[in-house]
Amino acid sequence: ALENIKTPSSAARLVMERTDHIHLVGEGARQFARAHGFKEENLLTEKSRKMWLRWKENLSDKDDWLPPKDGDYDLEKRPTGTINILALDSKGDLAGCTTTSGLFGKLPGRIGDSPIIGAGLYVDNEVGAAGATGRGEEILRTCGSFFVVEQMRAGKSPREACEALCQRIVKINGGADKIDFNDKIVAINKNGEAGCAAIRGSKNKPPQAAIITAAGIEIIEGTYLIEVS
């Protein structure tokens, strides 16, 4: 939705603070960012460029975009880069941000869950906040972050609310044996309690979230539904 701007979340904050709009996308978003002093720059790393070329090679056996043995790029392990940040300040006000580089290999025009309020991010200052990473289509289908906040409104803890969303996603996909993707959810409530959960995980690699306070940094572990190796 906004290309060549290193900090799109900062531009999104200005949309929230200086306009009455919810979303700006495409050329309009670029013009807005430029007008507010954001610099356009090429954000494509050399590694990502080569992964893209290798992906193009795999689309056809007649194309050679890279020379042989030019790096080992496992396209099954697509790069990820979504970040959720949820905050509770000293006045008791909640805030949140979800920012992402998007899905690798997506069709042009695809919109993921990250910029959609109620999907990749939702904040209700009376209840709590939630954010999601992973397969965005499933978060969109379930209005994921909104669902989690409403679960907290109904009395669930942040961790329990995140678990409830994971269970819902598995159910609407036909059960655990149909799941070949992952989603991770983080949440915080008005009391400052935080939790997380994921659809897939392992004992050696459970879902985690970092809690940062004046006392320091604490890493909490969440729960998961499906054990993977």
Protein backbone atom coordinates (compact mmCIF):
# COMPACT_ATOMS: atom_id res chain seq x y z
CA ALA A 1 0.00 0.00 0.00
CA LEU A 2 3.00 2.31 0.49
CA GLU A 3 6.19 1.58 -1.41
CA ASN A 4 9.73 2.89 -0.89
CA ILE A 5 9.06 4.50 2.50
CA LYS A 6 11.18 2.96 5.28
CA THR A 7 8.79 3.80 8.13
CA PRO A 8 5.22 3.44 6.83
CA SER A 9 3.91 3.12 10.38
CA SER A 10 5.05 6.69 11.06
CA ALA A 11 3.21 7.87 7.95
CA ALA A 12 0.12 5.95 9.08
CA ARG A 13 0.26 7.69 12.45
CA LEU A 14 0.16 11.06 10.69
CA VAL A 15 -2.91 9.94 8.74
CA MET A 16 -4.56 9.18 12.09
CA GLU A 17 -3.46 12.43 13.74
CA ARG A 18 -3.86 14.90 10.87
CA THR A 19 -6.84 13.59 8.91
CA ASP A 20 -10.19 11.97 9.57
CA HIS A 21 -9.37 9.11 7.20
CA ILE A 22 -8.75 5.49 8.17
CA HIS A 23 -6.64 4.41 5.17
CA LEU A 24 -4.51 5.96 2.46
CA VAL A 25 -3.07 3.62 -0.18
CA GLY A 26 -1.06 3.69 -3.39
CA GLU A 27 -0.14 6.96 -5.02
CA GLY A 28 -2.19 8.99 -2.55
CA ALA A 29 -0.30 7.47 0.37
CA ARG A 30 3.02 8.15 -1.35
CA GLN A 31 2.13 11.80 -1.98
CA PHE A 32 0.96 12.20 1.63
CA ALA A 33 4.22 10.74 2.95
CA ARG A 34 6.33 12.91 0.65
CA ALA A 35 4.40 16.02 1.67
CA HIS A 36 5.21 15.25 5.31
CA GLY A 37 8.93 14.91 4.74
CA PHE A 38 9.35 11.17 4.21
CA LYS A 39 12.14 10.24 1.82
CA GLU A 40 11.66 7.65 -0.89
CA GLU A 41 14.40 5.04 -1.10
CA ASN A 42 14.98 1.59 -2.57
CA LEU A 43 14.32 -0.88 0.24
CA LEU A 44 15.13 -4.04 -1.73
CA THR A 45 18.11 -5.86 -0.23
CA GLU A 46 20.45 -7.90 -2.39
CA LYS A 47 19.34 -11.12 -0.70
CA SER A 48 15.67 -10.34 -1.31
CA ARG A 49 16.39 -9.41 -4.92
CA LYS A 50 18.08 -12.77 -5.53
CA MET A 51 15.26 -14.65 -3.82
CA TRP A 52 12.83 -12.88 -6.14
CA LEU A 53 14.89 -13.84 -9.18
CA ARG A 54 15.05 -17.46 -8.00
CA TRP A 55 11.28 -17.42 -7.54
CA LYS A 56 10.87 -16.15 -11.11
CA GLU A 57 13.09 -18.98 -12.32
CA ASN A 58 10.83 -21.52 -10.67
CA LEU A 59 7.81 -20.22 -12.57
CA SER A 60 9.19 -21.65 -15.80
CA ASP A 61 11.83 -24.23 -16.73
CA LYS A 62 12.87 -22.06 -19.69
CA ASP A 63 14.04 -19.04 -17.71
CA ASP A 64 17.41 -18.59 -16.00
CA TRP A 65 17.45 -15.40 -13.96
CA LEU A 66 20.45 -16.34 -11.83
CA PRO A 67 23.66 -18.22 -12.67
CA PRO A 68 24.02 -21.75 -11.25
CA LYS A 69 25.11 -22.03 -7.60
CA ASP A 70 24.47 -18.34 -6.96
CA GLY A 71 23.28 -18.81 -3.40
CA ASP A 72 20.94 -21.35 -1.85
CA TYR A 73 17.51 -19.76 -1.49
CA ASP A 74 14.84 -21.96 0.06
CA LEU A 75 11.63 -20.54 -1.35
CA GLU A 76 9.58 -22.79 0.92
CA LYS A 77 10.85 -20.69 3.83
CA ARG A 78 9.57 -17.36 2.68
CA PRO A 79 11.00 -14.31 4.47
CA THR A 80 8.77 -12.72 7.06
CA GLY A 81 8.85 -9.26 8.54
CA THR A 82 5.64 -8.37 10.38
CA ILE A 83 5.97 -6.65 13.75
CA ASN A 84 3.28 -6.03 16.38
CA ILE A 85 3.82 -3.44 19.10
CA LEU A 86 1.19 -2.92 21.80
CA ALA A 87 1.59 -0.34 24.56
CA LEU A 88 -0.01 0.82 27.79
CA ASP A 89 1.22 4.16 29.12
CA SER A 90 1.38 5.57 32.64
CA LYS A 91 -2.05 7.18 32.18
CA GLY A 92 -3.63 3.85 31.32
CA ASP A 93 -4.08 4.61 27.62
CA LEU A 94 -3.54 1.84 25.08
CA ALA A 95 -1.90 2.08 21.66
CA GLY A 96 -0.80 -0.32 18.97
CA CYS A 97 1.07 -0.67 15.70
CA THR A 98 1.41 -3.45 13.14
CA THR A 99 3.88 -2.95 10.31
CA THR A 100 5.04 -5.32 7.58
CA SER A 101 6.96 -5.66 4.34
CA GLY A 102 4.13 -7.79 2.97
CA LEU A 103 3.83 -11.31 1.59
CA PHE A 104 6.69 -12.58 -0.56
CA GLY A 105 5.54 -13.61 -4.04
CA LYS A 106 2.07 -12.12 -3.74
CA LEU A 107 -0.07 -11.04 -6.68
CA PRO A 108 0.06 -7.30 -7.47
CA GLY A 109 -2.68 -5.49 -5.59
CA ARG A 110 -2.98 -7.99 -2.75
CA ILE A 111 -3.81 -6.38 0.61
CA GLY A 112 -2.91 -8.27 3.75
CA ASP A 113 -4.24 -8.04 7.27
CA SER A 114 -1.60 -5.70 8.73
CA PRO A 115 -3.10 -2.36 7.57
CA ILE A 116 -6.71 -3.39 8.18
CA ILE A 117 -8.13 -2.15 11.48
CA GLY A 118 -9.78 -5.11 13.20
CA ALA A 119 -7.63 -7.66 11.38
CA GLY A 120 -3.89 -7.16 11.86
CA LEU A 121 -4.42 -4.62 14.64
CA TYR A 122 -7.20 -3.46 16.92
CA VAL A 123 -7.18 -1.23 19.99
CA ASP A 124 -10.10 -0.51 22.31
CA ASN A 125 -9.00 1.82 25.08
CA GLU A 126 -11.62 0.43 27.44
CA VAL A 127 -10.59 -3.19 27.01
CA GLY A 128 -7.26 -3.99 25.38
CA ALA A 129 -5.29 -4.31 22.17
CA ALA A 130 -4.28 -7.15 19.87
CA GLY A 131 -2.07 -7.72 16.83
CA ALA A 132 -1.45 -10.59 14.44
CA THR A 133 1.30 -12.04 12.27
CA GLY A 134 1.31 -14.98 9.90
CA ARG A 135 -1.13 -15.88 7.14
CA GLY A 136 -3.02 -12.64 6.71
CA GLU A 137 -5.92 -14.13 4.78
CA GLU A 138 -6.99 -16.15 7.83
CA ILE A 139 -6.77 -13.09 10.07
CA LEU A 140 -8.89 -11.14 7.59
CA ARG A 141 -11.49 -13.90 7.38
CA THR A 142 -11.93 -13.93 11.16
CA CYS A 143 -11.50 -10.19 11.89
CA GLY A 144 -8.76 -11.58 14.10
CA SER A 145 -7.60 -8.73 16.32
CA PHE A 146 -11.14 -7.45 16.82
CA PHE A 147 -12.19 -10.98 17.79
CA VAL A 148 -9.41 -11.18 20.38
CA VAL A 149 -10.30 -7.84 21.97
CA GLU A 150 -13.96 -8.84 22.15
CA GLN A 151 -12.94 -12.10 23.84
CA MET A 152 -11.12 -10.03 26.46
CA ARG A 153 -14.20 -7.85 26.84
CA ALA A 154 -16.13 -11.03 27.62
CA GLY A 155 -13.70 -11.87 30.43
CA LYS A 156 -10.92 -13.93 28.89
CA SER A 157 -7.28 -13.23 29.72
CA PRO A 158 -5.06 -12.02 26.86
CA ARG A 159 -3.60 -15.50 26.40
CA GLU A 160 -7.00 -17.17 26.47
CA ALA A 161 -8.34 -14.67 23.95
CA CYS A 162 -5.44 -15.38 21.60
CA GLU A 163 -6.00 -19.12 21.99
CA ALA A 164 -9.67 -18.66 21.12
CA LEU A 165 -8.78 -17.04 17.80
CA CYS A 166 -6.33 -19.82 16.94
CA GLN A 167 -9.04 -22.39 17.69
CA ARG A 168 -11.50 -20.52 15.50
CA ILE A 169 -9.09 -20.40 12.55
CA VAL A 170 -8.39 -24.13 12.83
CA LYS A 171 -12.11 -24.90 13.01
CA ILE A 172 -13.13 -22.90 9.93
CA ASN A 173 -10.32 -24.56 7.97
CA GLY A 174 -11.63 -28.03 8.70
CA GLY A 175 -9.40 -29.13 11.55
CA ALA A 176 -5.75 -29.45 12.50
CA ASP A 177 -4.90 -31.86 9.67
CA LYS A 178 -5.84 -29.16 7.13
CA ILE A 179 -3.46 -26.55 8.52
CA ASP A 180 -0.28 -25.90 6.52
CA PHE A 181 0.27 -22.32 7.72
CA ASN A 182 0.75 -20.45 10.97
CA ASP A 183 -0.71 -17.41 12.68
CA LYS A 184 0.51 -15.83 15.90
CA ILE A 185 -1.51 -13.42 18.03
CA VAL A 186 -0.40 -11.09 20.82
CA ALA A 187 -2.65 -9.15 23.17
CA ILE A 188 -2.59 -6.84 26.17
CA ASN A 189 -5.47 -5.80 28.40
CA LYS A 190 -6.25 -2.61 30.28
CA ASN A 191 -4.54 -3.97 33.40
CA GLY A 192 -1.25 -4.43 31.56
CA GLU A 193 -1.51 -8.21 31.40
CA ALA A 194 -0.16 -9.66 28.16
CA GLY A 195 -0.32 -12.98 26.37
CA CYS A 196 0.24 -14.68 23.05
CA ALA A 197 -0.67 -17.84 21.18
CA ALA A 198 0.00 -19.48 17.83
CA ILE A 199 -1.63 -22.15 15.74
CA ARG A 200 1.62 -24.09 15.32
CA GLY A 201 4.66 -24.40 17.56
CA SER A 202 6.95 -26.77 19.43
CA LYS A 203 8.42 -27.23 22.88
CA ASN A 204 11.72 -25.89 21.60
CA LYS A 205 10.13 -23.01 19.71
CA PRO A 206 6.90 -21.84 21.36
CA PRO A 207 5.33 -18.49 20.49
CA GLN A 208 6.94 -15.67 22.45
CA ALA A 209 6.42 -12.00 23.17
CA ALA A 210 8.72 -9.43 24.75
CA ILE A 211 7.36 -7.34 27.62
CA ILE A 212 9.27 -4.09 28.11
CA THR A 213 8.74 -2.03 31.28
CA ALA A 214 10.79 0.32 33.43
CA ALA A 215 12.05 -2.77 35.24
CA GLY A 216 13.51 -4.28 32.08
CA ILE A 217 12.65 -6.85 29.43
CA GLU A 218 10.77 -10.08 30.08
CA ILE A 219 10.17 -12.78 27.47
CA ILE A 220 6.88 -14.60 27.93
CA GLU A 221 5.91 -17.85 26.24
CA GLY A 222 2.48 -18.51 24.82
CA THR A 223 0.57 -21.61 23.88
CA TYR A 224 0.02 -23.36 20.55
CA LEU A 225 -2.48 -25.86 19.20
CA ILE A 226 -0.48 -27.99 16.78
CA GLU A 227 2.91 -29.54 17.54
CA VAL A 228 5.41 -29.31 14.69
CA SER A 229 8.97 -30.56 14.46
